[in-house]
Amino acid sequence: MTDLDLRTTLLTAERVQDWLLTDGLRILLTIVLALVVRWLLHRLIARVVRTMTDRTSTRHDDTDASRAGRIWAQATGQARARHQQRMATLGSLLRSVVTFVVGLIATLTVMDLVGIPLGPLLASAGVGGVALGFGAQSLVKDFLSGIFMILEDQYGVGDVVDTGEAIGTVEEVSLRVTRLRDADGVTWYVRNGEVLRIGNLSQHRATAIVDVPIAYDEDVARVTEVLREAGERMLADPSWEGRLLDAPTVAGVESITGPTMTIRVLAETSPGAKVEVQRELRQRLKSALDGAGVKAPPVGPFGYGGFGGATGGTK
């Protein structure tokens, strides 16, 4: 090896050593710092998610041991599971966002240390971002709507919802679309950004409404007492525990039409049991009125009035 080759080799080795001790060390520290920051933020997110989940569990575990407390705990058990699932989803989303942001900052820092000019790159990224923003406005809108939908727990898998365009049971929820199946078996894919209002028919509790027609000349106070006792007997029936949440309430006279007086009865039920509670309550009220000798409305021009007209509602 000649003296020139030796000097070139030594010069190259010195340059590599200098680079390793300056820019190379900075790059290494940047990568290590990015990994540490990512780990710390992931730990913080996991702790926040765990704290929120434990707080919800404690609140439900502290429910009183009375019958009303047990029924309410049963009715809100699904909401508790959905809250835990929602927090896990948000935690995963936040971890992904943190990883992307920290990784992007670390990459740009390393490129700057290596000597790659960031000005043209950032300018190109800005122009591309504007173009992508105009072309993907609906996509961004769908994702943002999906994030807030999950955060606010507007609905979840298994809920029956009215999105305005379709009514059905939620089968899948993602950040971009929600999949529903209606009563005819048709599968609907609804973009989250296109949903302007949501009617959830399965959240928290439902109200069964039974309208009872009786003769106009009946004693309202006596009929009210008969209906109230029939509702309390149904509440005391163990087979309806968890479905009938509270004793049915006799709201009073709903309407008077000719010889017919209609009395409304309200019953709080679990969301999935509204129809069956409504049917059973209608049957029990009819039997109680027959046993008490309460007269039905007289026969009209279109036939017998009878007991048990009903409507239903959800809240």
Protein backbone atom coordinates (compact mmCIF):
# COMPACT_ATOMS: atom_id res chain seq x y z
CA MET A 1 0.00 0.00 0.00
CA THR A 2 1.40 3.36 -0.99
CA ASP A 3 1.65 6.41 1.27
CA LEU A 4 -1.23 8.06 -0.63
CA ASP A 5 -3.49 5.07 -0.13
CA LEU A 6 -2.59 4.93 3.55
CA ARG A 7 -3.31 8.63 4.06
CA THR A 8 -6.66 8.28 2.22
CA THR A 9 -7.65 5.30 4.37
CA LEU A 10 -6.68 7.09 7.59
CA LEU A 11 -8.53 10.22 6.48
CA THR A 12 -11.65 8.21 5.66
CA ALA A 13 -11.51 6.38 8.99
CA GLU A 14 -11.10 9.70 10.82
CA ARG A 15 -14.12 11.13 8.99
CA VAL A 16 -16.22 8.08 9.84
CA GLN A 17 -15.13 8.28 13.45
CA ASP A 18 -15.90 12.01 13.60
CA TRP A 19 -19.32 11.42 12.01
CA LEU A 20 -20.08 8.63 14.46
CA LEU A 21 -19.14 10.84 17.39
CA THR A 22 -21.22 13.79 16.15
CA ASP A 23 -24.12 13.23 13.76
CA GLY A 24 -24.15 9.48 14.26
CA LEU A 25 -24.45 9.90 18.01
CA ARG A 26 -27.21 12.48 17.52
CA ILE A 27 -29.11 10.10 15.24
CA LEU A 28 -28.75 7.29 17.74
CA LEU A 29 -29.92 9.53 20.59
CA THR A 30 -32.88 10.71 18.47
CA ILE A 31 -33.99 7.12 17.79
CA VAL A 32 -33.54 6.11 21.43
CA LEU A 33 -35.38 9.21 22.65
CA ALA A 34 -38.24 8.54 20.20
CA LEU A 35 -38.58 4.96 21.45
CA VAL A 36 -38.53 6.11 25.08
CA VAL A 37 -41.14 8.82 24.45
CA ARG A 38 -43.35 6.34 22.59
CA TRP A 39 -43.04 3.83 25.45
CA LEU A 40 -43.86 6.44 28.08
CA LEU A 41 -46.89 7.74 26.16
CA HIS A 42 -48.16 4.19 25.60
CA ARG A 43 -47.81 3.50 29.32
CA LEU A 44 -49.71 6.72 30.11
CA ILE A 45 -52.52 5.83 27.69
CA ALA A 46 -52.76 2.31 29.11
CA ARG A 47 -52.95 3.68 32.66
CA VAL A 48 -55.67 6.18 31.73
CA VAL A 49 -57.70 3.45 29.99
CA ARG A 50 -57.30 1.12 32.95
CA THR A 51 -58.29 3.86 35.40
CA MET A 52 -61.44 4.74 33.44
CA THR A 53 -62.39 1.06 33.14
CA ASP A 54 -61.80 0.37 36.84
CA ARG A 55 -63.79 3.46 37.81
CA THR A 56 -66.77 2.25 35.78
CA SER A 57 -66.48 -1.24 37.29
CA THR A 58 -66.38 0.18 40.81
CA ARG A 59 -69.42 2.35 40.15
CA HIS A 60 -71.41 -0.68 38.99
CA ASP A 61 -70.13 -2.91 41.81
CA ASP A 62 -71.30 -0.35 44.37
CA THR A 63 -74.93 -0.73 43.27
CA ASP A 64 -77.18 -1.37 46.27
CA ALA A 65 -78.33 -4.92 46.97
CA SER A 66 -82.05 -4.10 46.81
CA ARG A 67 -84.30 -5.54 44.15
CA ALA A 68 -84.29 -2.28 42.23
CA GLY A 69 -80.52 -2.16 42.49
CA ARG A 70 -80.15 -5.72 41.19
CA ILE A 71 -82.51 -5.04 38.30
CA TRP A 72 -80.70 -1.85 37.39
CA ALA A 73 -77.36 -3.67 37.54
CA GLN A 74 -78.71 -6.30 35.15
CA ALA A 75 -80.06 -3.63 32.82
CA THR A 76 -76.74 -1.76 32.74
CA GLY A 77 -74.46 -4.80 32.55
CA GLN A 78 -74.31 -4.55 28.79
CA ALA A 79 -73.51 -0.83 28.99
CA ARG A 80 -70.58 -1.65 31.29
CA ALA A 81 -69.17 -4.17 28.81
CA ARG A 82 -69.63 -1.70 25.99
CA HIS A 83 -67.83 1.00 27.99
CA GLN A 84 -64.86 -1.31 28.49
CA GLN A 85 -64.81 -2.17 24.80
CA ARG A 86 -65.06 1.51 23.87
CA MET A 87 -62.17 2.46 26.13
CA ALA A 88 -60.04 -0.34 24.68
CA THR A 89 -60.80 0.90 21.15
CA LEU A 90 -59.91 4.48 22.04
CA GLY A 91 -56.72 3.32 23.72
CA SER A 92 -55.69 1.43 20.59
CA LEU A 93 -56.48 4.46 18.44
CA LEU A 94 -54.48 6.82 20.66
CA ARG A 95 -51.49 4.45 20.68
CA SER A 96 -51.55 4.33 16.87
CA VAL A 97 -51.68 8.13 16.67
CA VAL A 98 -48.80 8.48 19.15
CA THR A 99 -46.68 5.97 17.21
CA PHE A 100 -47.31 7.81 13.93
CA VAL A 101 -46.57 11.28 15.30
CA VAL A 102 -43.43 10.28 17.23
CA GLY A 103 -42.16 8.23 14.28
CA LEU A 104 -42.74 11.12 11.86
CA ILE A 105 -40.91 13.62 14.08
CA ALA A 106 -37.99 11.22 14.59
CA THR A 107 -37.75 10.52 10.84
CA LEU A 108 -37.68 14.23 9.95
CA THR A 109 -35.02 14.88 12.63
CA VAL A 110 -32.82 12.06 11.34
CA MET A 111 -33.18 13.31 7.75
CA ASP A 112 -32.11 16.77 8.86
CA LEU A 113 -29.06 15.36 10.66
CA VAL A 114 -28.08 13.31 7.63
CA GLY A 115 -28.21 16.46 5.49
CA ILE A 116 -31.29 15.82 3.39
CA PRO A 117 -32.98 19.18 2.69
CA LEU A 118 -36.42 19.21 4.29
CA GLY A 119 -37.71 22.41 2.65
CA PRO A 120 -38.69 20.90 -0.72
CA LEU A 121 -39.97 17.77 0.99
CA LEU A 122 -42.20 19.71 3.39
CA ALA A 123 -43.41 21.96 0.59
CA SER A 124 -44.31 18.94 -1.54
CA ALA A 125 -46.00 17.30 1.43
CA GLY A 126 -47.99 20.50 2.05
CA VAL A 127 -49.19 20.65 -1.55
CA GLY A 128 -49.98 16.94 -1.51
CA GLY A 129 -51.82 17.31 1.78
CA VAL A 130 -53.99 20.09 0.40
CA ALA A 131 -54.80 18.05 -2.70
CA LEU A 132 -55.52 14.97 -0.60
CA GLY A 133 -57.67 17.05 1.73
CA PHE A 134 -59.84 18.23 -1.13
CA GLY A 135 -60.08 14.77 -2.63
CA ALA A 136 -60.67 12.88 0.63
CA GLN A 137 -62.93 15.24 2.55
CA SER A 138 -65.63 12.61 2.93
CA LEU A 139 -63.10 10.04 4.15
CA VAL A 140 -61.75 12.39 6.82
CA LYS A 141 -65.30 13.31 7.81
CA ASP A 142 -66.19 9.61 8.16
CA PHE A 143 -63.18 8.93 10.39
CA LEU A 144 -63.76 11.94 12.63
CA SER A 145 -67.46 11.06 12.98
CA GLY A 146 -66.50 7.47 13.83
CA ILE A 147 -64.09 8.63 16.53
CA PHE A 148 -66.70 10.84 18.21
CA MET A 149 -69.35 8.13 17.80
CA ILE A 150 -67.18 5.65 19.70
CA LEU A 151 -66.14 8.27 22.28
CA GLU A 152 -69.76 9.27 23.02
CA ASP A 153 -71.08 5.67 22.88
CA GLN A 154 -73.94 6.60 20.58
CA TYR A 155 -74.50 2.92 19.73
CA GLY A 156 -72.73 -0.42 19.74
CA VAL A 157 -72.90 -3.93 18.31
CA GLY A 158 -76.30 -5.48 19.01
CA ASP A 159 -78.19 -2.19 19.31
CA VAL A 160 -81.25 -1.51 17.18
CA VAL A 161 -80.76 1.95 15.69
CA ASP A 162 -82.50 4.33 13.30
CA THR A 163 -79.94 6.15 11.16
CA GLY A 164 -82.50 7.96 9.05
CA GLU A 165 -81.64 5.95 5.96
CA ALA A 166 -81.99 2.50 7.50
CA ILE A 167 -83.33 0.88 10.68
CA GLY A 168 -81.71 -2.32 11.88
CA THR A 169 -79.43 -4.17 14.26
CA VAL A 170 -75.81 -3.05 14.41
CA GLU A 171 -73.53 -5.92 13.36
CA GLU A 172 -70.21 -4.12 13.04
CA VAL A 173 -68.84 -0.71 13.97
CA SER A 174 -65.66 0.74 12.50
CA LEU A 175 -64.22 4.23 12.26
CA ARG A 176 -65.47 4.65 8.68
CA VAL A 177 -68.70 2.66 8.29
CA THR A 178 -71.39 1.00 10.39
CA ARG A 179 -72.99 -2.23 9.20
CA LEU A 180 -76.69 -2.79 9.92
CA ARG A 181 -79.11 -5.62 9.19
CA ASP A 182 -82.77 -4.66 8.93
CA ALA A 183 -85.89 -6.73 9.64
CA ASP A 184 -85.95 -8.02 6.03
CA GLY A 185 -82.41 -9.36 6.32
CA VAL A 186 -80.89 -6.65 4.12
CA THR A 187 -77.36 -5.57 5.09
CA TRP A 188 -76.81 -1.80 5.09
CA TYR A 189 -73.40 -0.11 5.09
CA VAL A 190 -73.82 3.39 6.49
CA ARG A 191 -70.91 5.85 6.34
CA ASN A 192 -70.42 7.48 9.72
CA GLY A 193 -69.97 10.94 8.20
CA GLU A 194 -73.37 10.76 6.49
CA VAL A 195 -75.31 10.05 9.70
CA LEU A 196 -76.91 13.28 10.89
CA ARG A 197 -78.93 11.82 13.75
CA ILE A 198 -79.17 8.45 15.50
CA GLY A 199 -82.18 6.95 17.24
CA ASN A 200 -81.02 4.17 19.58
CA LEU A 201 -83.88 1.82 20.44
CA SER A 202 -81.78 -0.43 22.70
CA GLN A 203 -79.87 1.84 25.05
CA HIS A 204 -80.43 1.87 28.80
CA ARG A 205 -84.17 1.12 29.07
CA ALA A 206 -87.46 1.09 27.17
CA THR A 207 -91.01 2.20 28.01
CA ALA A 208 -93.93 -0.11 27.28
CA ILE A 209 -97.18 1.83 26.85
CA VAL A 210 -100.55 0.12 27.20
CA ASP A 211 -103.77 2.05 26.60
CA VAL A 212 -106.80 0.47 28.30
CA PRO A 213 -110.28 1.48 27.02
CA ILE A 214 -113.15 1.26 29.54
CA ALA A 215 -116.72 2.48 29.66
CA TYR A 216 -117.18 6.20 30.23
CA ASP A 217 -119.31 5.77 33.37
CA GLU A 218 -116.73 3.66 35.26
CA ASP A 219 -115.11 4.98 38.47
CA VAL A 220 -111.63 6.14 37.49
CA ALA A 221 -110.22 5.78 41.02
CA ARG A 222 -111.43 2.16 41.30
CA VAL A 223 -110.12 1.23 37.86
CA THR A 224 -106.79 2.87 38.63
CA GLU A 225 -106.43 0.81 41.80
CA VAL A 226 -107.25 -2.41 39.93
CA LEU A 227 -104.64 -1.64 37.27
CA ARG A 228 -102.03 -0.66 39.85
CA GLU A 229 -102.49 -3.91 41.81
CA ALA A 230 -102.23 -5.97 38.61
CA GLY A 231 -98.96 -4.23 37.74
CA GLU A 232 -97.53 -4.83 41.22
CA ARG A 233 -98.39 -8.53 41.00
CA MET A 234 -96.52 -8.74 37.71
CA LEU A 235 -93.51 -6.99 39.26
CA ALA A 236 -93.52 -9.50 42.12
CA ASP A 237 -93.46 -12.43 39.67
CA PRO A 238 -89.85 -13.78 39.69
CA SER A 239 -90.12 -14.82 36.04
CA TRP A 240 -90.20 -11.13 35.03
CA GLU A 241 -87.29 -9.96 37.16
CA GLY A 242 -84.71 -8.23 34.99
CA ARG A 243 -87.24 -7.57 32.24
CA LEU A 244 -89.75 -5.46 34.13
CA LEU A 245 -87.59 -2.87 35.89
CA ASP A 246 -90.21 -1.17 38.07
CA ALA A 247 -93.87 -1.34 38.98
CA PRO A 248 -96.09 -0.18 36.09
CA THR A 249 -97.43 3.33 36.56
CA VAL A 250 -101.04 4.27 35.87
CA ALA A 251 -100.63 7.63 34.16
CA GLY A 252 -104.33 8.43 34.21
CA VAL A 253 -107.01 9.19 31.66
CA GLU A 254 -105.41 9.58 28.26
CA SER A 255 -108.49 10.42 26.22
CA ILE A 256 -112.29 10.40 26.23
CA THR A 257 -114.06 9.62 22.96
CA GLY A 258 -117.82 9.28 23.11
CA PRO A 259 -118.69 6.37 25.43
CA THR A 260 -115.02 5.27 25.66
CA MET A 261 -112.51 6.41 28.27
CA THR A 262 -108.88 5.39 27.75
CA ILE A 263 -106.46 4.97 30.66
CA ARG A 264 -102.73 4.79 29.97
CA VAL A 265 -100.34 2.47 31.82
CA LEU A 266 -96.53 2.87 31.56
CA ALA A 267 -93.94 0.21 32.37
CA GLU A 268 -90.13 0.54 32.42
CA THR A 269 -88.48 -2.50 30.81
CA SER A 270 -85.08 -3.65 29.67
CA PRO A 271 -84.61 -2.66 26.01
CA GLY A 272 -84.97 -6.14 24.52
CA ALA A 273 -88.03 -7.10 26.56
CA LYS A 274 -90.39 -4.25 25.70
CA VAL A 275 -92.70 -6.22 23.39
CA GLU A 276 -93.05 -9.28 25.61
CA VAL A 277 -93.61 -7.15 28.73
CA GLN A 278 -96.20 -5.14 26.83
CA ARG A 279 -98.11 -8.30 25.81
CA GLU A 280 -98.00 -9.85 29.25
CA LEU A 281 -99.04 -6.60 30.93
CA ARG A 282 -101.95 -6.18 28.52
CA GLN A 283 -103.16 -9.70 29.31
CA ARG A 284 -102.86 -9.23 33.08
CA LEU A 285 -104.68 -5.89 33.00
CA LYS A 286 -107.49 -7.36 30.96
CA SER A 287 -107.87 -10.29 33.37
CA ALA A 288 -107.82 -7.93 36.38
CA LEU A 289 -110.51 -5.71 34.87
CA ASP A 290 -112.69 -8.72 34.05
CA GLY A 291 -112.28 -10.02 37.60
CA ALA A 292 -113.23 -6.64 39.07
CA GLY A 293 -116.30 -6.38 36.86
CA VAL A 294 -115.13 -3.26 35.04
CA LYS A 295 -117.26 -2.67 31.97
CA ALA A 296 -115.72 -2.46 28.52
CA PRO A 297 -116.80 0.27 26.12
CA PRO A 298 -120.18 -0.40 24.50
CA VAL A 299 -120.43 -1.88 21.04
CA GLY A 300 -119.97 0.80 18.38
CA PRO A 301 -120.89 0.89 14.71
CA PHE A 302 -117.65 -0.93 13.84
CA GLY A 303 -117.86 -3.68 16.46
CA TYR A 304 -116.93 -4.35 20.08
CA GLY A 305 -114.62 -1.91 21.82
CA GLY A 306 -112.88 -4.36 24.14
CA PHE A 307 -109.82 -3.97 26.38
CA GLY A 308 -106.19 -3.59 25.54
CA GLY A 309 -105.36 -1.11 22.82
CA ALA A 310 -101.62 -0.51 23.02
CA THR A 311 -98.81 1.54 21.68
CA GLY A 312 -95.13 1.47 22.55
CA GLY A 313 -92.21 3.80 23.00
CA THR A 314 -88.52 3.77 23.86
CA LYS A 315 -86.32 6.20 25.73
